[in-house]
Protein backbone atom coordinates (compact mmCIF):
# COMPACT_ATOMS: atom_id res chain seq x y z
CA MET A 1 -20.40 12.30 -24.49
CA LEU A 2 -19.34 12.95 -20.82
CA TRP A 3 -22.95 13.79 -19.84
CA LEU A 4 -23.92 10.31 -21.39
CA LEU A 5 -21.29 8.49 -19.46
CA LEU A 6 -22.19 10.08 -16.13
CA SER A 7 -25.79 9.45 -16.64
CA LEU A 8 -25.06 5.50 -16.50
CA PHE A 9 -24.08 6.21 -12.85
CA THR A 10 -26.95 6.79 -10.45
CA GLN A 11 -25.73 7.13 -6.86
CA PRO A 12 -22.77 7.28 -4.68
CA VAL A 13 -20.54 4.08 -4.34
CA MET A 14 -19.95 2.23 -1.12
CA SER A 15 -16.60 0.97 -0.69
CA GLN A 16 -15.75 -2.38 -2.20
CA HIS A 17 -14.09 -4.92 0.08
CA SER A 18 -12.36 -7.97 -1.49
CA THR A 19 -14.24 -10.38 0.86
CA GLY A 20 -17.59 -8.77 0.15
CA SER A 21 -17.96 -6.87 3.16
CA VAL A 22 -18.22 -3.07 3.57
CA GLY A 23 -14.85 -1.73 3.64
CA LEU A 24 -11.92 -0.29 1.56
CA LEU A 25 -10.00 -2.66 -0.69
CA ASN A 26 -8.84 -5.22 1.57
CA VAL A 27 -9.80 -3.84 5.02
CA PRO A 28 -13.10 -3.12 6.75
CA THR A 29 -14.53 0.11 7.60
CA ALA A 30 -17.17 1.37 10.20
CA GLU A 31 -19.56 2.63 7.64
CA ASN A 32 -23.21 1.50 7.63
CA MET A 33 -25.37 0.30 4.63
CA GLU A 34 -29.10 0.77 4.13
CA PRO A 35 -31.15 -1.83 5.88
CA GLY A 36 -32.07 -4.63 3.47
CA SER A 37 -28.95 -4.28 1.31
CA ILE A 38 -28.10 -7.40 -0.34
CA ARG A 39 -24.77 -7.91 -2.30
CA ALA A 40 -23.58 -10.82 -4.35
CA GLY A 41 -20.14 -10.72 -6.36
CA VAL A 42 -17.03 -12.33 -7.37
CA ASN A 43 -13.40 -11.56 -7.16
CA PHE A 44 -10.17 -12.47 -8.78
CA LEU A 45 -7.47 -13.11 -6.19
CA PRO A 46 -3.85 -13.27 -7.28
CA LYS A 47 -1.64 -15.83 -5.57
CA GLU A 48 0.16 -13.25 -3.56
CA MET A 49 -3.14 -12.42 -1.74
CA LEU A 50 -3.83 -15.99 -0.55
CA PRO A 51 -3.06 -17.30 2.83
CA PRO A 52 -0.62 -20.21 3.35
CA TYR A 53 -3.30 -22.81 3.20
CA PHE A 54 -3.65 -22.04 -0.67
CA THR A 55 0.18 -22.75 -1.07
CA LYS A 56 0.48 -19.58 -3.08
CA THR A 57 1.42 -21.53 -6.24
CA TYR A 58 -1.89 -20.60 -8.10
CA HIS A 59 -4.14 -17.82 -8.63
CA SER A 60 -7.83 -18.09 -7.10
CA GLY A 61 -10.92 -16.21 -6.77
CA ASN A 62 -13.97 -15.93 -4.45
CA TYR A 63 -17.78 -15.35 -4.66
CA TYR A 64 -20.07 -14.16 -1.88
CA LEU A 65 -23.28 -13.31 -0.76
CA SER A 66 -23.64 -10.31 1.84
CA ALA A 67 -26.64 -8.89 3.58
CA ASP A 68 -27.22 -5.87 6.05
CA ILE A 69 -30.10 -7.24 7.95
CA PHE A 70 -30.22 -3.92 9.97
CA SER A 71 -28.07 -0.70 9.43
CA PHE A 72 -25.74 -1.79 12.23
CA LEU A 73 -25.47 -5.61 11.35
CA GLU A 74 -23.85 -7.13 8.36
CA ILE A 75 -23.26 -10.98 7.60
CA THR A 76 -21.30 -12.19 4.74
CA TYR A 77 -20.83 -15.75 3.42
CA ARG A 78 -17.90 -16.34 1.11
CA MET A 79 -16.47 -19.19 -0.79
CA THR A 80 -12.85 -19.15 -2.17
CA LEU A 81 -11.66 -21.81 -4.77
CA VAL A 82 -9.03 -24.35 -3.93
CA LYS A 83 -6.96 -26.49 -6.18
CA ASP A 84 -6.43 -30.13 -4.99
CA LEU A 85 -2.70 -30.37 -5.70
CA LEU A 86 -2.78 -34.15 -4.91
CA LEU A 87 -4.35 -34.70 -8.29
CA GLU A 88 -2.24 -35.43 -11.47
CA HIS A 89 -3.93 -32.43 -12.99
CA PRO A 90 -4.99 -30.18 -10.25
CA LYS A 91 -8.38 -28.44 -10.54
CA TYR A 92 -10.53 -26.12 -8.65
CA ASN A 93 -12.64 -28.76 -7.27
CA GLN A 94 -12.49 -27.62 -3.48
CA GLN A 95 -13.93 -24.46 -1.77
CA ASP A 96 -12.79 -22.72 1.46
CA ARG A 97 -16.06 -21.49 3.36
CA ALA A 98 -15.84 -18.34 5.51
CA PHE A 99 -18.43 -16.46 7.45
CA THR A 100 -18.09 -12.83 8.34
CA ILE A 101 -20.11 -10.81 10.74
CA ARG A 102 -19.67 -7.00 11.31
CA LEU A 103 -21.46 -4.91 14.07
CA GLN A 104 -21.59 -1.14 13.90
CA ALA A 105 -21.54 -0.24 17.55
CA ILE A 106 -21.51 3.50 17.09
CA ARG A 107 -23.09 5.34 14.13
CA GLU A 108 -21.14 8.32 12.68
CA GLY A 109 -22.14 11.71 13.66
CA LYS A 110 -21.23 15.20 12.68
CA TYR A 111 -18.16 15.09 14.96
CA ARG A 112 -18.16 11.53 16.15
CA PRO A 113 -16.52 8.84 14.09
CA GLY A 114 -18.38 5.55 13.51
CA PHE A 115 -17.10 2.53 15.39
CA ALA A 116 -17.52 -1.19 14.34
CA ILE A 117 -16.20 -4.53 15.54
CA GLY A 118 -16.13 -7.71 13.41
CA ALA A 119 -15.01 -11.38 13.05
CA ASP A 120 -13.76 -12.84 9.91
CA ASP A 121 -13.95 -16.52 9.42
CA PRO A 122 -14.37 -17.48 13.02
CA MET A 123 -15.82 -20.90 12.52
CA ILE A 124 -13.62 -23.67 11.58
CA ASP A 125 -14.11 -25.33 8.18
CA HIS A 126 -12.60 -28.97 8.19
CA GLY A 127 -10.27 -27.93 10.79
CA VAL A 128 -8.89 -24.72 9.13
CA SER A 129 -9.94 -21.04 9.45
CA SER A 130 -7.86 -19.57 6.67
CA TYR A 131 -8.91 -16.01 7.04
CA GLU A 132 -9.59 -15.86 10.85
CA SER A 133 -9.30 -12.34 12.24
CA TYR A 134 -11.08 -10.21 14.84
CA TYR A 135 -10.94 -6.37 14.54
CA ALA A 136 -12.22 -2.91 15.83
CA VAL A 137 -12.43 -0.12 13.53
CA LEU A 138 -13.12 3.63 13.30
CA SER A 139 -14.23 5.66 10.32
CA LYS A 140 -14.91 9.35 9.91
CA GLY A 141 -16.11 11.31 6.66
CA LEU A 142 -15.59 14.87 5.68
CA ASP A 143 -17.46 16.85 3.01
CA TRP A 144 -15.45 19.70 1.40
CA ARG A 145 -16.59 21.69 -1.58
CA ASN A 146 -18.82 18.85 -2.77
CA ASN A 147 -15.89 16.31 -2.35
CA ARG A 148 -16.12 13.38 0.09
CA PHE A 149 -13.07 12.30 2.12
CA GLN A 150 -13.00 9.54 4.64
CA ALA A 151 -10.24 8.13 6.96
CA THR A 152 -10.33 4.77 8.59
CA VAL A 153 -8.09 3.22 11.24
CA GLY A 154 -8.43 0.00 12.91
CA TYR A 155 -6.56 -2.94 14.83
CA TYR A 156 -6.70 -6.84 14.14
CA PHE A 157 -6.41 -8.61 17.43
CA PRO A 158 -3.89 -11.38 17.58
CA TRP A 159 -6.67 -13.85 18.80
CA GLN A 160 -5.99 -16.89 16.69
CA LYS A 161 -5.94 -20.45 17.72
CA GLU A 162 -2.66 -22.41 17.76
CA GLU A 163 -3.77 -25.28 15.67
CA ASN A 164 -2.95 -25.06 12.01
CA LYS A 165 -1.59 -21.45 12.58
CA GLU A 166 0.89 -21.88 9.69
CA TRP A 167 -2.17 -22.32 7.44
CA LYS A 168 -3.82 -19.03 8.49
CA ALA A 169 -3.55 -15.46 6.94
CA ASN A 170 -2.46 -14.18 10.47
CA ARG A 171 -3.53 -10.68 10.14
CA LYS A 172 -2.61 -8.62 13.33
CA GLY A 173 -1.68 -5.08 14.08
CA PHE A 174 -2.97 -1.62 13.02
CA PHE A 175 -4.56 -1.12 9.60
CA GLY A 176 -6.05 2.05 7.96
CA GLY A 177 -6.89 3.73 4.92
CA VAL A 178 -8.51 6.77 3.05
CA SER A 179 -11.01 7.36 0.37
CA TYR A 180 -11.90 10.17 -1.96
CA ILE A 181 -15.14 10.59 -3.97
CA PRO A 182 -14.70 13.59 -6.43
CA SER A 183 -17.36 16.18 -6.90
CA PHE A 184 -17.30 15.84 -10.53
CA CYS A 185 -18.34 12.04 -10.42
CA LYS A 186 -19.78 10.88 -6.93
CA GLU A 187 -20.25 7.49 -8.37
CA MET A 188 -16.41 6.82 -8.25
CA LYS A 189 -14.21 6.20 -5.30
CA PHE A 190 -10.41 6.22 -5.06
CA MET A 191 -8.91 4.42 -2.21
CA ALA A 192 -5.60 3.76 -0.55
CA GLU A 193 -4.89 1.53 2.42
CA TYR A 194 -2.43 -0.21 4.64
CA ASP A 195 -3.96 -3.62 5.60
CA ALA A 196 -1.52 -4.39 8.41
CA ASP A 197 0.89 -6.03 5.90
CA VAL A 198 1.06 -4.17 2.65
CA VAL A 199 -0.02 -1.08 0.85
CA ASN A 200 -2.91 -1.19 -1.71
CA LEU A 201 -4.29 1.47 -4.21
CA GLY A 202 -7.39 1.16 -6.18
CA LEU A 203 -10.74 2.51 -7.24
CA SER A 204 -14.47 1.32 -7.53
CA ALA A 205 -17.45 2.59 -9.39
CA ARG A 206 -21.06 1.96 -9.75
CA PHE A 207 -23.07 1.72 -12.98
CA TRP A 208 -26.87 1.42 -13.55
CA LYS A 209 -27.93 1.54 -9.92
CA HIS A 210 -26.92 -1.95 -9.10
CA LEU A 211 -23.53 -3.05 -10.77
CA THR A 212 -20.35 -2.19 -8.97
CA VAL A 213 -16.70 -2.94 -10.30
CA HIS A 214 -13.47 -2.32 -8.65
CA ALA A 215 -9.82 -2.93 -9.27
CA PHE A 216 -6.58 -2.39 -7.17
CA VAL A 217 -2.94 -2.96 -7.01
CA TYR A 218 -1.96 -5.25 -4.08
CA ASP A 219 1.49 -4.52 -2.62
CA PHE A 220 2.50 -2.72 -5.85
CA SER A 221 3.10 -6.37 -7.36
CA CYS A 222 -0.11 -7.63 -8.66
CA VAL A 223 -3.76 -6.76 -9.40
CA SER A 224 -7.01 -7.95 -8.06
CA ALA A 225 -10.49 -6.98 -9.39
CA GLY A 226 -14.18 -7.92 -8.81
CA VAL A 227 -17.59 -7.26 -9.65
CA ARG A 228 -20.90 -7.30 -7.65
CA TYR A 229 -24.61 -6.82 -7.98
CA GLU A 230 -26.47 -5.08 -5.23
CA CYS A 231 -30.03 -4.08 -4.36
CA VAL A 232 -32.26 -3.00 -1.25
CA LEU A 233 -35.07 -5.21 -0.32
CA LYS A 234 -38.24 -3.45 0.54
CA HIS A 235 -39.14 -3.83 4.24
């Protein structure tokens, strides 16, 4: 039975990010994906995770499309559902658009950590960039007895515009985390992180080559989860 379960998994899992980008649970990493990688997915976002623009009175979700055009360049386009609270019966009839770009400036080596820089939601959508942040991040992996460990540390730069500042997520300061892929099941990944605000714990797993699911506890107060489909285009 165990052999049958493991046979459903086919390859190691890359970290799952709540925004669709390569990363841990809610923070980016400096890992690189295979060129031509395409990912599309959806996430459930509890109200505690949302920026002030969403008023934190309701749960939401997002869906995204992410592509690694080259091994060092990733682009993600994300839509987050927004309720119109001015309606008598509020509905998810609006969407917050966000664009993310991540550039791996230094590829990880035997003794050298990978280094990446990125921008999340830098383009204003109707006067609001709810998730705007700019960061630099280092990641380094270690293999030990067929287990895979990775450590990540980064910094969000306080480089946000003053207009509508009270509507933004306002990420700033240091963040970091660790991940662990066990030798007995290399298709699972356990993760812990500090996202510059709270601590999160979770895991992800890949099934049937292309389907990845993840779930994590945000700030030990609520649960977020998501699923994505991924493939590599021939080039």
